[in-house]
C-alpha atoms as a PDB file:
ATOM      1  CA  MET A   1       0.000   0.000   0.000  1.00  0.00           C
ATOM      2  CA  SER A   2       1.328   3.416  -0.948  1.00  0.00           C
ATOM      3  CA  SER A   3       2.206   5.908   1.779  1.00  0.00           C
ATOM      4  CA  THR A   4       1.502   8.787  -0.585  1.00  0.00           C
ATOM      5  CA  PRO A   5      -1.456  10.810   0.687  1.00  0.00           C
ATOM      6  CA  PRO A   6      -4.451  11.264  -1.609  1.00  0.00           C
ATOM      7  CA  VAL A   7      -4.545  14.344  -3.794  1.00  0.00           C
ATOM      8  CA  ARG A   8      -7.308  16.800  -2.960  1.00  0.00           C
ATOM      9  CA  VAL A   9      -8.599  19.107  -5.633  1.00  0.00           C
ATOM     10  CA  HIS A  10     -10.401  22.283  -4.646  1.00  0.00           C
ATOM     11  CA  LEU A  11     -12.538  23.773  -7.379  1.00  0.00           C
ATOM     12  CA  ASP A  12     -13.055  27.494  -7.704  1.00  0.00           C
ATOM     13  CA  PRO A  13     -16.842  28.101  -7.749  1.00  0.00           C
ATOM     14  CA  ALA A  14     -16.256  31.372  -9.619  1.00  0.00           C
ATOM     15  CA  ASN A  15     -14.450  29.492 -12.403  1.00  0.00           C
ATOM     16  CA  PRO A  16     -16.028  26.009 -12.794  1.00  0.00           C
ATOM     17  CA  PRO A  17     -14.485  23.474 -15.169  1.00  0.00           C
ATOM     18  CA  LYS A  18     -15.983  23.348 -18.644  1.00  0.00           C
ATOM     19  CA  ALA A  19     -17.784  20.190 -19.730  1.00  0.00           C
ATOM     20  CA  ASP A  20     -19.710  19.395 -22.879  1.00  0.00           C
ATOM     21  CA  TRP A  21     -22.812  17.972 -21.214  1.00  0.00           C
ATOM     22  CA  SER A  22     -24.765  18.006 -24.478  1.00  0.00           C
ATOM     23  CA  ARG A  23     -22.413  15.284 -25.737  1.00  0.00           C
ATOM     24  CA  VAL A  24     -23.027  13.201 -22.613  1.00  0.00           C
ATOM     25  CA  ASP A  25     -26.772  13.829 -22.772  1.00  0.00           C
ATOM     26  CA  ALA A  26     -26.825  12.548 -26.378  1.00  0.00           C
ATOM     27  CA  MET A  27     -25.267   9.206 -25.353  1.00  0.00           C
ATOM     28  CA  THR A  28     -27.261   6.133 -24.404  1.00  0.00           C
ATOM     29  CA  GLU A  29     -26.687   4.546 -21.004  1.00  0.00           C
ATOM     30  CA  GLU A  30     -24.729   1.746 -22.718  1.00  0.00           C
ATOM     31  CA  GLN A  31     -22.488   4.273 -24.503  1.00  0.00           C
ATOM     32  CA  ARG A  32     -21.840   6.112 -21.218  1.00  0.00           C
ATOM     33  CA  HIS A  33     -20.939   2.830 -19.544  1.00  0.00           C
ATOM     34  CA  ALA A  34     -18.590   1.849 -22.394  1.00  0.00           C
ATOM     35  CA  ALA A  35     -16.946   5.285 -22.306  1.00  0.00           C
ATOM     36  CA  ALA A  36     -16.421   5.021 -18.561  1.00  0.00           C
ATOM     37  CA  LEU A  37     -14.845   1.565 -18.887  1.00  0.00           C
ATOM     38  CA  ALA A  38     -12.553   2.848 -21.643  1.00  0.00           C
ATOM     39  CA  ASP A  39     -10.993   5.376 -19.240  1.00  0.00           C
ATOM     40  CA  PRO A  40      -7.902   3.679 -17.751  1.00  0.00           C
ATOM     41  CA  ASP A  41      -7.971   6.042 -14.749  1.00  0.00           C
ATOM     42  CA  ALA A  42     -11.565   5.210 -13.858  1.00  0.00           C
ATOM     43  CA  GLN A  43     -11.739   1.431 -13.768  1.00  0.00           C
ATOM     44  CA  PRO A  44     -14.235  -0.233 -11.435  1.00  0.00           C
ATOM     45  CA  ALA A  45     -12.867  -1.774  -8.269  1.00  0.00           C
ATOM     46  CA  THR A  46     -12.177  -5.494  -8.365  1.00  0.00           C
ATOM     47  CA  ASP A  47     -13.853  -7.889  -5.913  1.00  0.00           C
ATOM     48  CA  GLU A  48     -10.511  -8.160  -4.104  1.00  0.00           C
ATOM     49  CA  GLN A  49     -10.224  -4.364  -3.776  1.00  0.00           C
ATOM     50  CA  LEU A  50     -13.816  -4.099  -2.563  1.00  0.00           C
ATOM     51  CA  ALA A  51     -13.167  -6.803   0.054  1.00  0.00           C
ATOM     52  CA  ARG A  52     -10.204  -4.798   1.447  1.00  0.00           C
ATOM     53  CA  MET A  53     -12.141  -1.536   1.704  1.00  0.00           C
ATOM     54  CA  ARG A  54     -13.372  -0.364   5.063  1.00  0.00           C
ATOM     55  CA  ARG A  55     -16.294   1.979   5.492  1.00  0.00           C
ATOM     56  CA  VAL A  56     -15.433   5.350   7.030  1.00  0.00           C
ATOM     57  CA  PRO A  57     -18.234   6.908   9.095  1.00  0.00           C
ATOM     58  CA  ASN A  58     -19.846   9.937   7.460  1.00  0.00           C
ATOM     59  CA  VAL A  59     -20.208  12.408  10.329  1.00  0.00           C
ATOM     60  CA  LYS A  60     -22.646  14.704   8.570  1.00  0.00           C
ATOM     61  CA  ALA A  61     -24.847  11.802   7.445  1.00  0.00           C
ATOM     62  CA  ILE A  62     -24.961  10.417  10.992  1.00  0.00           C
ATOM     63  CA  ARG A  63     -25.780  13.836  12.432  1.00  0.00           C
ATOM     64  CA  THR A  64     -28.446  14.495   9.788  1.00  0.00           C
ATOM     65  CA  LYS A  65     -30.029  11.073  10.345  1.00  0.00           C
ATOM     66  CA  LEU A  66     -30.327  11.947  14.032  1.00  0.00           C
ATOM     67  CA  GLY A  67     -31.906  15.301  13.126  1.00  0.00           C
ATOM     68  CA  LEU A  68     -29.310  17.329  15.014  1.00  0.00           C
ATOM     69  CA  GLU A  69     -27.511  20.571  14.238  1.00  0.00           C
ATOM     70  CA  VAL A  70     -23.715  20.574  14.631  1.00  0.00           C
ATOM     71  CA  ASP A  71     -23.775  22.208  18.064  1.00  0.00           C
ATOM     72  CA  GLU A  72     -26.561  19.864  19.285  1.00  0.00           C
ATOM     73  CA  PHE A  73     -24.670  16.795  18.045  1.00  0.00           C
ATOM     74  CA  ALA A  74     -21.461  17.960  19.725  1.00  0.00           C
ATOM     75  CA  ARG A  75     -23.165  18.770  23.034  1.00  0.00           C
ATOM     76  CA  ARG A  76     -25.203  15.550  23.087  1.00  0.00           C
ATOM     77  CA  PHE A  77     -22.160  13.330  22.596  1.00  0.00           C
ATOM     78  CA  GLY A  78     -19.618  15.372  24.584  1.00  0.00           C
ATOM     79  CA  LEU A  79     -17.570  16.567  21.604  1.00  0.00           C
ATOM     80  CA  PRO A  80     -16.099  19.993  20.818  1.00  0.00           C
ATOM     81  CA  VAL A  81     -18.179  21.776  18.160  1.00  0.00           C
ATOM     82  CA  ALA A  82     -15.015  22.745  16.244  1.00  0.00           C
ATOM     83  CA  LEU A  83     -13.942  19.100  16.096  1.00  0.00           C
ATOM     84  CA  VAL A  84     -17.286  17.990  14.655  1.00  0.00           C
ATOM     85  CA  ARG A  85     -17.079  20.776  12.050  1.00  0.00           C
ATOM     86  CA  ASP A  86     -13.516  19.783  11.171  1.00  0.00           C
ATOM     87  CA  TRP A  87     -14.591  16.158  10.723  1.00  0.00           C
ATOM     88  CA  GLU A  88     -17.548  17.131   8.553  1.00  0.00           C
ATOM     89  CA  GLU A  89     -15.475  19.446   6.376  1.00  0.00           C
ATOM     90  CA  GLN A  90     -12.622  16.904   6.265  1.00  0.00           C
ATOM     91  CA  ARG A  91     -10.133  19.362   7.722  1.00  0.00           C
ATOM     92  CA  ARG A  92      -9.209  16.763  10.333  1.00  0.00           C
ATOM     93  CA  PRO A  93      -9.063  13.034   9.568  1.00  0.00           C
ATOM     94  CA  LEU A  94     -10.904  10.542  11.721  1.00  0.00           C
ATOM     95  CA  ASP A  95      -8.493   8.599  13.905  1.00  0.00           C
ATOM     96  CA  PRO A  96      -9.356   4.994  14.865  1.00  0.00           C
ATOM     97  CA  ALA A  97     -10.948   6.048  18.173  1.00  0.00           C
ATOM     98  CA  ALA A  98     -13.136   8.652  16.427  1.00  0.00           C
ATOM     99  CA  LYS A  99     -14.225   6.075  13.833  1.00  0.00           C
ATOM    100  CA  ALA A 100     -15.179   3.649  16.590  1.00  0.00           C
ATOM    101  CA  LEU A 101     -17.087   6.330  18.521  1.00  0.00           C
ATOM    102  CA  LEU A 102     -18.984   7.415  15.413  1.00  0.00           C
ATOM    103  CA  ARG A 103     -19.914   3.826  14.579  1.00  0.00           C
ATOM    104  CA  VAL A 104     -21.340   3.408  18.083  1.00  0.00           C
ATOM    105  CA  ILE A 105     -23.186   6.753  17.830  1.00  0.00           C
ATOM    106  CA  GLU A 106     -24.638   5.603  14.516  1.00  0.00           C
ATOM    107  CA  ARG A 107     -25.896   2.315  15.992  1.00  0.00           C
ATOM    108  CA  GLU A 108     -26.651   3.251  19.622  1.00  0.00           C
ATOM    109  CA  PRO A 109     -26.956   7.053  19.920  1.00  0.00           C
ATOM    110  CA  GLU A 110     -28.967   6.959  23.156  1.00  0.00           C
ATOM    111  CA  ALA A 111     -26.347   4.820  24.916  1.00  0.00           C
ATOM    112  CA  VAL A 112     -23.550   7.205  23.937  1.00  0.00           C
ATOM    113  CA  ALA A 113     -25.635  10.226  24.963  1.00  0.00           C
ATOM    114  CA  ARG A 114     -26.278   8.659  28.400  1.00  0.00           C
ATOM    115  CA  VAL A 115     -22.585   7.974  28.937  1.00  0.00           C
ATOM    116  CA  ALA A 116     -21.571  11.427  27.700  1.00  0.00           C
ATOM    117  CA  ALA A 117     -24.006  13.039  30.152  1.00  0.00           C
ATOM    118  CA  GLU A 118     -22.437  11.297  33.178  1.00  0.00           C
END
C-alpha cells in the first residue's frame, strides 16, 4: 500500500471546469458505460479491492439522520463543536478512536448520549 497521501482538488466556484454535457446527454446509457470503462484512470474496483475496503463513518450523514444541528450533536455526545465541524469538512481526519465512537453513535446514539451526560 502506498504511503503517498491522496490528492485533494479544490474547485473554484467562480471558475467552474468546462464540460460538454450536451455530448453526454446525447449518449445512451450503454455508450456512457462503455466510455467510462474505456478510461484507464476510472476502472471499477475489483472484488478483491472491494473486500479490502473499510467503510469510514460519514459524520454529517450520521448527524443528519439523528436530526441534530452541529452544536446539538457535539453537546449531546460530549464533543467539541469545532472538532465535529472539522470532521464534517474533512479538515481533520478521523483517527481509529473517532471512527469507533462514530460507529457506536450511529448504531446506539442513546447509549452514547447517556454515557456522555455522566
